[in-house]
Amino acid sequence: MPSGLQTSENCKSLIMKGINHVHINTRIRLEYLSKRETDMLSMLCGRINEQSKDILNDQSESEHEKYLKMYDHIKKSDKIVADCFNDWKRSNIWLKVQFLRRHDLLTDEHLDQMSDGL
């Protein structure tokens, strides 16, 4: 597990929302998240694109500095997209939920709906 991902505060929050693997059937979680995957991915890509525009529009940076910042930004962003959206399956959906929460893609409202079993 990536270091620092699962803090005790985060665990308490997830448990309180009924998100740990004991409280919600993994099939329901996967089914719910699959229905919302496109919207969450679109939201994340929108953020990434806006940050890219900010980098490119920075008049105080040289073109080479912008290139280097964009390269780093895309590399980091690609990791976030992969962590959140690649390889969804029952055995790792609890981890995907944590990544989606960490990146503000899965809201308390989503968790409440997921807890209700869709």
N, C-alpha and C. Protein backbone atom coordinates (compact mmCIF):
# COMPACT_ATOMS: atom_id res chain seq x y z
N MET A 1 0.84 -1.17 0.00
CA MET A 1 0.00 0.00 0.00
C MET A 1 0.88 1.23 0.00
N PRO A 2 0.55 2.25 -0.79
CA PRO A 2 1.35 3.47 -0.81
C PRO A 2 1.41 4.11 0.56
N SER A 3 2.60 4.57 0.91
CA SER A 3 2.76 5.14 2.24
C SER A 3 1.94 6.41 2.38
N GLY A 4 1.38 6.60 3.57
CA GLY A 4 0.64 7.80 3.88
C GLY A 4 -0.76 7.84 3.31
N LEU A 5 -1.16 6.84 2.54
CA LEU A 5 -2.47 6.88 1.91
C LEU A 5 -3.58 6.65 2.92
N GLN A 6 -3.37 5.74 3.82
CA GLN A 6 -4.43 5.38 4.72
C GLN A 6 -4.09 5.85 6.14
N THR A 7 -4.43 7.08 6.44
CA THR A 7 -4.20 7.62 7.77
C THR A 7 -5.32 7.15 8.68
N SER A 8 -5.09 7.24 9.99
CA SER A 8 -6.13 6.81 10.91
C SER A 8 -7.38 7.67 10.75
N GLU A 9 -7.21 8.97 10.48
CA GLU A 9 -8.35 9.86 10.25
C GLU A 9 -9.12 9.41 9.02
N ASN A 10 -8.39 9.08 7.96
CA ASN A 10 -9.01 8.61 6.73
C ASN A 10 -9.75 7.30 6.97
N CYS A 11 -9.14 6.39 7.71
CA CYS A 11 -9.78 5.11 8.01
C CYS A 11 -11.07 5.31 8.78
N LYS A 12 -11.01 6.18 9.80
CA LYS A 12 -12.21 6.45 10.60
C LYS A 12 -13.32 7.00 9.71
N SER A 13 -12.94 7.92 8.84
CA SER A 13 -13.92 8.54 7.95
C SER A 13 -14.55 7.49 7.03
N LEU A 14 -13.70 6.65 6.46
CA LEU A 14 -14.21 5.62 5.56
C LEU A 14 -15.10 4.63 6.29
N ILE A 15 -14.71 4.25 7.47
CA ILE A 15 -15.51 3.30 8.25
C ILE A 15 -16.84 3.92 8.64
N MET A 16 -16.80 5.21 9.04
CA MET A 16 -18.03 5.90 9.41
C MET A 16 -19.00 5.97 8.24
N LYS A 17 -18.49 6.06 7.05
CA LYS A 17 -19.33 6.12 5.87
C LYS A 17 -19.70 4.72 5.37
N GLY A 18 -19.26 3.69 6.08
CA GLY A 18 -19.61 2.34 5.69
C GLY A 18 -18.88 1.86 4.46
N ILE A 19 -17.65 2.29 4.28
CA ILE A 19 -16.96 2.00 3.04
C ILE A 19 -15.97 0.85 3.17
N ASN A 20 -15.67 0.39 4.38
CA ASN A 20 -14.68 -0.68 4.44
C ASN A 20 -15.27 -1.98 3.89
N HIS A 21 -14.42 -2.91 3.55
CA HIS A 21 -14.85 -4.11 2.83
C HIS A 21 -15.79 -5.00 3.63
N VAL A 22 -15.88 -4.80 4.93
CA VAL A 22 -16.80 -5.60 5.73
C VAL A 22 -18.22 -5.08 5.62
N HIS A 23 -18.39 -3.76 5.49
CA HIS A 23 -19.71 -3.15 5.55
C HIS A 23 -20.45 -3.06 4.22
N ILE A 24 -19.73 -3.03 3.13
CA ILE A 24 -20.40 -2.92 1.83
C ILE A 24 -19.88 -4.01 0.91
N ASN A 25 -20.79 -4.66 0.29
CA ASN A 25 -20.46 -5.70 -0.66
C ASN A 25 -19.62 -5.12 -1.79
N THR A 26 -18.51 -5.77 -2.10
CA THR A 26 -17.61 -5.24 -3.13
C THR A 26 -18.29 -5.16 -4.50
N ARG A 27 -19.20 -6.03 -4.76
CA ARG A 27 -19.92 -5.99 -6.04
C ARG A 27 -20.72 -4.70 -6.15
N ILE A 28 -21.36 -4.30 -5.06
CA ILE A 28 -22.15 -3.08 -5.06
C ILE A 28 -21.24 -1.87 -5.25
N ARG A 29 -20.10 -1.86 -4.54
CA ARG A 29 -19.17 -0.75 -4.70
C ARG A 29 -18.69 -0.64 -6.14
N LEU A 30 -18.29 -1.76 -6.71
CA LEU A 30 -17.77 -1.77 -8.07
C LEU A 30 -18.85 -1.33 -9.06
N GLU A 31 -20.06 -1.83 -8.87
CA GLU A 31 -21.17 -1.48 -9.75
C GLU A 31 -21.48 0.02 -9.65
N TYR A 32 -21.54 0.53 -8.43
CA TYR A 32 -21.83 1.95 -8.23
C TYR A 32 -20.75 2.83 -8.87
N LEU A 33 -19.50 2.51 -8.57
CA LEU A 33 -18.40 3.32 -9.09
C LEU A 33 -18.31 3.24 -10.62
N SER A 34 -18.59 2.09 -11.17
CA SER A 34 -18.55 1.94 -12.63
C SER A 34 -19.56 2.86 -13.31
N LYS A 35 -20.71 3.06 -12.66
CA LYS A 35 -21.73 3.96 -13.21
C LYS A 35 -21.28 5.41 -13.18
N ARG A 36 -20.38 5.74 -12.29
CA ARG A 36 -19.93 7.12 -12.13
C ARG A 36 -18.51 7.37 -12.64
N GLU A 37 -17.90 6.34 -13.17
CA GLU A 37 -16.51 6.42 -13.62
C GLU A 37 -16.29 7.52 -14.66
N THR A 38 -17.14 7.60 -15.66
CA THR A 38 -16.97 8.58 -16.72
C THR A 38 -17.00 10.01 -16.17
N ASP A 39 -17.95 10.28 -15.29
CA ASP A 39 -18.05 11.62 -14.71
C ASP A 39 -16.85 11.96 -13.85
N MET A 40 -16.40 11.01 -13.03
CA MET A 40 -15.25 11.27 -12.17
C MET A 40 -13.97 11.47 -13.00
N LEU A 41 -13.80 10.66 -14.03
CA LEU A 41 -12.63 10.79 -14.90
C LEU A 41 -12.66 12.13 -15.63
N SER A 42 -13.83 12.53 -16.08
CA SER A 42 -13.97 13.81 -16.76
C SER A 42 -13.62 14.97 -15.82
N MET A 43 -14.07 14.87 -14.57
CA MET A 43 -13.76 15.91 -13.60
C MET A 43 -12.26 16.00 -13.37
N LEU A 44 -11.62 14.87 -13.21
CA LEU A 44 -10.17 14.84 -12.98
C LEU A 44 -9.42 15.39 -14.20
N CYS A 45 -9.80 14.97 -15.38
CA CYS A 45 -9.12 15.45 -16.60
C CYS A 45 -9.34 16.94 -16.78
N GLY A 46 -10.50 17.44 -16.43
CA GLY A 46 -10.75 18.88 -16.49
C GLY A 46 -9.80 19.65 -15.60
N ARG A 47 -9.59 19.14 -14.38
CA ARG A 47 -8.64 19.78 -13.46
C ARG A 47 -7.22 19.75 -14.03
N ILE A 48 -6.84 18.60 -14.54
CA ILE A 48 -5.50 18.45 -15.11
C ILE A 48 -5.31 19.41 -16.28
N ASN A 49 -6.32 19.52 -17.13
CA ASN A 49 -6.24 20.41 -18.29
C ASN A 49 -6.16 21.88 -17.86
N GLU A 50 -6.92 22.26 -16.85
CA GLU A 50 -6.86 23.64 -16.36
C GLU A 50 -5.48 23.96 -15.79
N GLN A 51 -4.92 23.01 -15.05
CA GLN A 51 -3.57 23.21 -14.51
C GLN A 51 -2.56 23.31 -15.64
N SER A 52 -2.76 22.55 -16.69
CA SER A 52 -1.87 22.61 -17.86
C SER A 52 -1.94 23.99 -18.51
N LYS A 53 -3.16 24.51 -18.65
CA LYS A 53 -3.32 25.85 -19.22
C LYS A 53 -2.59 26.89 -18.38
N ASP A 54 -2.71 26.77 -17.07
CA ASP A 54 -2.02 27.72 -16.18
C ASP A 54 -0.51 27.68 -16.40
N ILE A 55 0.02 26.49 -16.54
CA ILE A 55 1.47 26.35 -16.78
C ILE A 55 1.84 27.00 -18.11
N LEU A 56 1.08 26.71 -19.14
CA LEU A 56 1.39 27.22 -20.47
C LEU A 56 1.18 28.73 -20.59
N ASN A 57 0.27 29.28 -19.82
CA ASN A 57 -0.01 30.72 -19.89
C ASN A 57 0.86 31.56 -18.97
N ASP A 58 1.74 30.94 -18.23
CA ASP A 58 2.61 31.67 -17.31
C ASP A 58 3.67 32.45 -18.11
N GLN A 59 3.48 33.75 -18.17
CA GLN A 59 4.37 34.60 -18.96
C GLN A 59 5.74 34.79 -18.31
N SER A 60 5.86 34.45 -17.05
CA SER A 60 7.14 34.64 -16.35
C SER A 60 8.13 33.51 -16.61
N GLU A 61 7.67 32.45 -17.27
CA GLU A 61 8.52 31.28 -17.54
C GLU A 61 8.94 31.26 -19.00
N SER A 62 10.15 30.74 -19.24
CA SER A 62 10.60 30.54 -20.62
C SER A 62 9.86 29.33 -21.21
N GLU A 63 9.88 29.21 -22.50
CA GLU A 63 9.22 28.07 -23.15
C GLU A 63 9.82 26.75 -22.67
N HIS A 64 11.11 26.72 -22.47
CA HIS A 64 11.75 25.50 -21.98
C HIS A 64 11.30 25.19 -20.56
N GLU A 65 11.22 26.19 -19.70
CA GLU A 65 10.74 25.98 -18.33
C GLU A 65 9.30 25.48 -18.33
N LYS A 66 8.47 26.04 -19.21
CA LYS A 66 7.09 25.58 -19.34
C LYS A 66 7.05 24.11 -19.76
N TYR A 67 7.90 23.78 -20.72
CA TYR A 67 7.97 22.39 -21.19
C TYR A 67 8.32 21.46 -20.03
N LEU A 68 9.34 21.84 -19.26
CA LEU A 68 9.76 21.00 -18.13
C LEU A 68 8.65 20.87 -17.09
N LYS A 69 7.96 21.96 -16.81
CA LYS A 69 6.85 21.92 -15.85
C LYS A 69 5.70 21.06 -16.38
N MET A 70 5.41 21.20 -17.67
CA MET A 70 4.35 20.39 -18.27
C MET A 70 4.70 18.91 -18.24
N TYR A 71 5.94 18.60 -18.54
CA TYR A 71 6.39 17.21 -18.50
C TYR A 71 6.17 16.63 -17.11
N ASP A 72 6.60 17.35 -16.09
CA ASP A 72 6.44 16.90 -14.72
C ASP A 72 4.95 16.81 -14.34
N HIS A 73 4.18 17.80 -14.74
CA HIS A 73 2.74 17.82 -14.46
C HIS A 73 2.03 16.62 -15.09
N ILE A 74 2.32 16.34 -16.33
CA ILE A 74 1.68 15.22 -17.02
C ILE A 74 2.10 13.89 -16.41
N LYS A 75 3.37 13.78 -16.05
CA LYS A 75 3.84 12.55 -15.41
C LYS A 75 3.09 12.30 -14.09
N LYS A 76 2.99 13.33 -13.27
CA LYS A 76 2.27 13.20 -11.99
C LYS A 76 0.78 12.95 -12.21
N SER A 77 0.21 13.65 -13.17
CA SER A 77 -1.21 13.50 -13.47
C SER A 77 -1.53 12.11 -13.98
N ASP A 78 -0.65 11.57 -14.81
CA ASP A 78 -0.85 10.22 -15.33
C ASP A 78 -0.87 9.20 -14.20
N LYS A 79 -0.03 9.39 -13.21
CA LYS A 79 0.00 8.50 -12.04
C LYS A 79 -1.33 8.58 -11.28
N ILE A 80 -1.85 9.78 -11.12
CA ILE A 80 -3.12 9.94 -10.42
C ILE A 80 -4.25 9.26 -11.19
N VAL A 81 -4.30 9.47 -12.50
CA VAL A 81 -5.34 8.82 -13.32
C VAL A 81 -5.22 7.30 -13.20
N ALA A 82 -4.01 6.80 -13.28
CA ALA A 82 -3.81 5.35 -13.17
C ALA A 82 -4.22 4.84 -11.79
N ASP A 83 -3.80 5.53 -10.74
CA ASP A 83 -4.16 5.10 -9.38
C ASP A 83 -5.67 5.05 -9.19
N CYS A 84 -6.36 6.02 -9.75
CA CYS A 84 -7.81 6.11 -9.55
C CYS A 84 -8.62 5.22 -10.49
N PHE A 85 -8.15 5.01 -11.70
CA PHE A 85 -9.04 4.42 -12.71
C PHE A 85 -8.54 3.14 -13.38
N ASN A 86 -7.28 2.81 -13.29
CA ASN A 86 -6.80 1.60 -13.95
C ASN A 86 -7.10 0.36 -13.11
N ASP A 87 -7.52 -0.70 -13.77
CA ASP A 87 -7.62 -2.03 -13.16
C ASP A 87 -8.64 -2.12 -12.03
N TRP A 88 -9.85 -1.62 -12.27
CA TRP A 88 -10.91 -1.76 -11.27
C TRP A 88 -11.35 -3.21 -11.23
N LYS A 89 -11.28 -3.79 -10.05
CA LYS A 89 -11.78 -5.14 -9.84
C LYS A 89 -12.15 -5.29 -8.37
N ARG A 90 -12.88 -6.32 -8.06
CA ARG A 90 -13.38 -6.50 -6.70
C ARG A 90 -12.27 -6.55 -5.66
N SER A 91 -11.16 -7.14 -6.01
CA SER A 91 -10.09 -7.32 -5.02
C SER A 91 -9.37 -6.03 -4.65
N ASN A 92 -9.49 -4.98 -5.47
CA ASN A 92 -8.77 -3.74 -5.15
C ASN A 92 -9.67 -2.51 -5.11
N ILE A 93 -10.97 -2.69 -5.18
CA ILE A 93 -11.86 -1.53 -5.26
C ILE A 93 -11.79 -0.69 -3.99
N TRP A 94 -11.53 -1.31 -2.85
CA TRP A 94 -11.39 -0.53 -1.61
C TRP A 94 -10.24 0.46 -1.71
N LEU A 95 -9.15 0.07 -2.39
CA LEU A 95 -8.02 0.96 -2.58
C LEU A 95 -8.37 2.07 -3.57
N LYS A 96 -9.10 1.73 -4.62
CA LYS A 96 -9.53 2.74 -5.59
C LYS A 96 -10.42 3.78 -4.92
N VAL A 97 -11.28 3.34 -4.02
CA VAL A 97 -12.13 4.27 -3.27
C VAL A 97 -11.27 5.26 -2.51
N GLN A 98 -10.22 4.78 -1.88
CA GLN A 98 -9.33 5.67 -1.14
C GLN A 98 -8.64 6.68 -2.07
N PHE A 99 -8.19 6.24 -3.22
CA PHE A 99 -7.57 7.16 -4.18
C PHE A 99 -8.58 8.19 -4.68
N LEU A 100 -9.80 7.74 -5.00
CA LEU A 100 -10.83 8.66 -5.47
C LEU A 100 -11.16 9.71 -4.41
N ARG A 101 -11.20 9.28 -3.15
CA ARG A 101 -11.45 10.23 -2.05
C ARG A 101 -10.28 11.20 -1.90
N ARG A 102 -9.09 10.67 -1.97
CA ARG A 102 -7.88 11.49 -1.80
C ARG A 102 -7.83 12.62 -2.83
N HIS A 103 -8.34 12.36 -4.01
CA HIS A 103 -8.29 13.34 -5.09
C HIS A 103 -9.64 14.04 -5.29
N ASP A 104 -10.48 13.99 -4.28
CA ASP A 104 -11.76 14.71 -4.26
C ASP A 104 -12.66 14.38 -5.45
N LEU A 105 -12.68 13.14 -5.82
CA LEU A 105 -13.54 12.69 -6.92
C LEU A 105 -14.77 11.94 -6.41
N LEU A 106 -14.64 11.36 -5.24
CA LEU A 106 -15.72 10.61 -4.63
C LEU A 106 -16.17 11.40 -3.40
N THR A 107 -17.39 11.89 -3.44
CA THR A 107 -17.90 12.78 -2.40
C THR A 107 -18.60 12.01 -1.28
N ASP A 108 -18.91 12.73 -0.21
CA ASP A 108 -19.70 12.13 0.88
C ASP A 108 -21.06 11.68 0.36
N GLU A 109 -21.62 12.45 -0.56
CA GLU A 109 -22.90 12.07 -1.15
C GLU A 109 -22.79 10.74 -1.90
N HIS A 110 -21.71 10.57 -2.65
CA HIS A 110 -21.48 9.29 -3.33
C HIS A 110 -21.41 8.16 -2.32
N LEU A 111 -20.68 8.39 -1.23
CA LEU A 111 -20.51 7.35 -0.22
C LEU A 111 -21.84 6.99 0.43
N ASP A 112 -22.67 8.00 0.68
CA ASP A 112 -23.99 7.74 1.26
C ASP A 112 -24.83 6.90 0.31
N GLN A 113 -24.78 7.24 -0.98
CA GLN A 113 -25.54 6.47 -1.98
C GLN A 113 -25.00 5.05 -2.09
N MET A 114 -23.69 4.93 -2.03
CA MET A 114 -23.07 3.61 -2.11
C MET A 114 -23.46 2.78 -0.88
N SER A 115 -23.52 3.40 0.28
CA SER A 115 -23.87 2.71 1.52
C SER A 115 -25.31 2.20 1.47
N ASP A 116 -26.15 2.93 0.74
CA ASP A 116 -27.55 2.52 0.63
C ASP A 116 -27.73 1.36 -0.33
N GLY A 117 -26.64 0.90 -0.93
CA GLY A 117 -26.71 -0.24 -1.84
C GLY A 117 -27.28 0.14 -3.19
N LEU A 118 -26.95 1.34 -3.63
CA LEU A 118 -27.41 1.91 -4.91
C LEU A 118 -28.78 2.41 -4.69
